[in-house]
Amino acid sequence: MLRRVKLSRLPDGLVFPEKLADRINYDRASRELQFSGFMSKTDFDKLLCLHNDIEYQRALERLFQICTFEVAPEAAEKRVTAMLLAVGATFAVVALSVAMFIFLH
């Protein structure tokens, strides 16, 4: 998943490391710093050390925060809903089993 944050300009002379060049990009037209996939702390540290421009570093921090989520917030909500339904269904089956056991004995 491609994540984006606003950055008015990429600092002069900043070149992304070859190992990360296929995952990080600066889009001049939209003025966005973009990263594809999960950003590890190691990736973040490597990118942070590339330039001391405060605007770049703050944008990178925001990008790191949104790139560390393993799932999108919407997907997480769906997982919680599914989990609650599963717990409720399990509780209903157990309660029904207990009631049947009591009724039959």
Protein backbone atom coordinates (compact mmCIF):
# COMPACT_ATOMS: atom_id res chain seq x y z
CA MET A 1 0.00 0.00 0.00
CA LEU A 2 1.31 3.41 -0.96
CA ARG A 3 1.26 5.93 1.91
CA ARG A 4 1.65 9.67 1.36
CA VAL A 5 2.40 12.82 3.35
CA LYS A 6 2.69 16.42 2.21
CA LEU A 7 6.17 17.85 1.74
CA SER A 8 6.56 21.17 -0.07
CA ARG A 9 9.96 20.27 -1.51
CA LEU A 10 12.60 17.59 -1.30
CA PRO A 11 15.81 19.03 0.19
CA ASP A 12 18.54 19.84 -2.31
CA GLY A 13 21.01 17.02 -2.80
CA LEU A 14 18.90 14.37 -1.07
CA VAL A 15 19.22 11.01 -2.82
CA PHE A 16 17.40 7.96 -1.51
CA PRO A 17 19.50 4.83 -0.85
CA GLU A 18 19.47 2.32 -3.68
CA LYS A 19 18.03 -0.40 -1.39
CA LEU A 20 14.99 1.78 -0.63
CA ALA A 21 14.65 3.60 -3.96
CA ASP A 22 11.88 1.28 -5.16
CA ARG A 23 9.82 1.97 -2.00
CA ILE A 24 10.27 5.70 -1.36
CA ASN A 25 9.56 8.50 -3.77
CA TYR A 26 8.95 12.23 -3.87
CA ASP A 27 6.17 13.28 -6.25
CA ARG A 28 6.88 16.86 -7.29
CA ALA A 29 3.47 17.36 -8.93
CA SER A 30 1.48 16.50 -5.79
CA ARG A 31 4.27 17.60 -3.40
CA GLU A 32 4.11 14.32 -1.52
CA LEU A 33 6.67 12.07 0.08
CA GLN A 34 5.50 8.53 -0.66
CA PHE A 35 6.42 5.14 0.76
CA SER A 36 5.19 1.74 -0.34
CA GLY A 37 4.59 -0.95 2.26
CA PHE A 38 5.75 -1.31 5.85
CA MET A 39 8.53 1.01 7.02
CA SER A 40 10.80 -0.57 9.62
CA LYS A 41 12.63 1.46 12.24
CA THR A 42 15.85 0.64 10.39
CA ASP A 43 14.40 2.07 7.15
CA PHE A 44 13.27 5.17 9.02
CA ASP A 45 16.68 5.69 10.62
CA LYS A 46 18.45 5.36 7.26
CA LEU A 47 16.09 7.87 5.64
CA LEU A 48 16.22 10.30 8.57
CA CYS A 49 20.03 10.53 8.42
CA LEU A 50 19.99 11.54 4.75
CA HIS A 51 19.35 15.22 5.43
CA ASN A 52 18.95 17.57 8.41
CA ASP A 53 16.15 19.60 6.79
CA ILE A 54 13.48 19.88 9.52
CA GLU A 55 10.52 19.87 7.10
CA TYR A 56 11.81 16.65 5.50
CA GLN A 57 12.41 15.05 8.90
CA ARG A 58 8.92 15.93 10.15
CA ALA A 59 7.31 14.61 6.96
CA LEU A 60 9.34 11.43 7.29
CA GLU A 61 8.21 11.04 10.91
CA ARG A 62 4.55 11.36 9.84
CA LEU A 63 5.15 8.88 7.03
CA PHE A 64 6.82 6.44 9.43
CA GLN A 65 3.83 6.62 11.76
CA ILE A 66 1.34 5.72 9.05
CA CYS A 67 3.61 3.11 7.45
CA THR A 68 3.99 1.11 10.65
CA PHE A 69 0.32 0.09 10.76
CA GLU A 70 0.12 -3.50 9.55
CA VAL A 71 -3.47 -3.05 8.45
CA ALA A 72 -5.52 -0.04 7.47
CA PRO A 73 -7.79 1.29 10.23
CA GLU A 74 -10.88 0.21 8.24
CA ALA A 75 -9.58 -3.36 8.05
CA ALA A 76 -8.84 -3.33 11.78
CA GLU A 77 -12.44 -2.30 12.51
CA LYS A 78 -13.70 -5.18 10.37
CA ARG A 79 -11.45 -7.59 12.27
CA VAL A 80 -12.79 -6.37 15.62
CA THR A 81 -16.38 -6.73 14.39
CA ALA A 82 -15.69 -10.24 13.11
CA MET A 83 -14.02 -11.16 16.39
CA LEU A 84 -16.99 -9.87 18.42
CA LEU A 85 -19.39 -11.85 16.23
CA ALA A 86 -17.29 -15.00 16.70
CA VAL A 87 -17.20 -14.54 20.49
CA GLY A 88 -20.95 -13.94 20.57
CA ALA A 89 -21.64 -17.02 18.44
CA THR A 90 -19.37 -19.13 20.65
CA PHE A 91 -21.16 -17.90 23.77
CA ALA A 92 -24.55 -18.70 22.21
CA VAL A 93 -23.45 -22.26 21.31
CA VAL A 94 -22.11 -22.88 24.82
CA ALA A 95 -25.27 -21.47 26.43
CA LEU A 96 -27.47 -23.59 24.17
CA SER A 97 -25.40 -26.71 24.94
CA VAL A 98 -25.68 -26.11 28.69
CA ALA A 99 -29.44 -25.52 28.42
CA MET A 100 -29.90 -28.73 26.41
CA PHE A 101 -27.79 -30.70 28.89
CA ILE A 102 -29.87 -29.40 31.81
CA PHE A 103 -33.17 -30.02 29.99
CA LEU A 104 -32.26 -33.58 28.98
CA HIS A 105 -31.01 -34.64 32.42
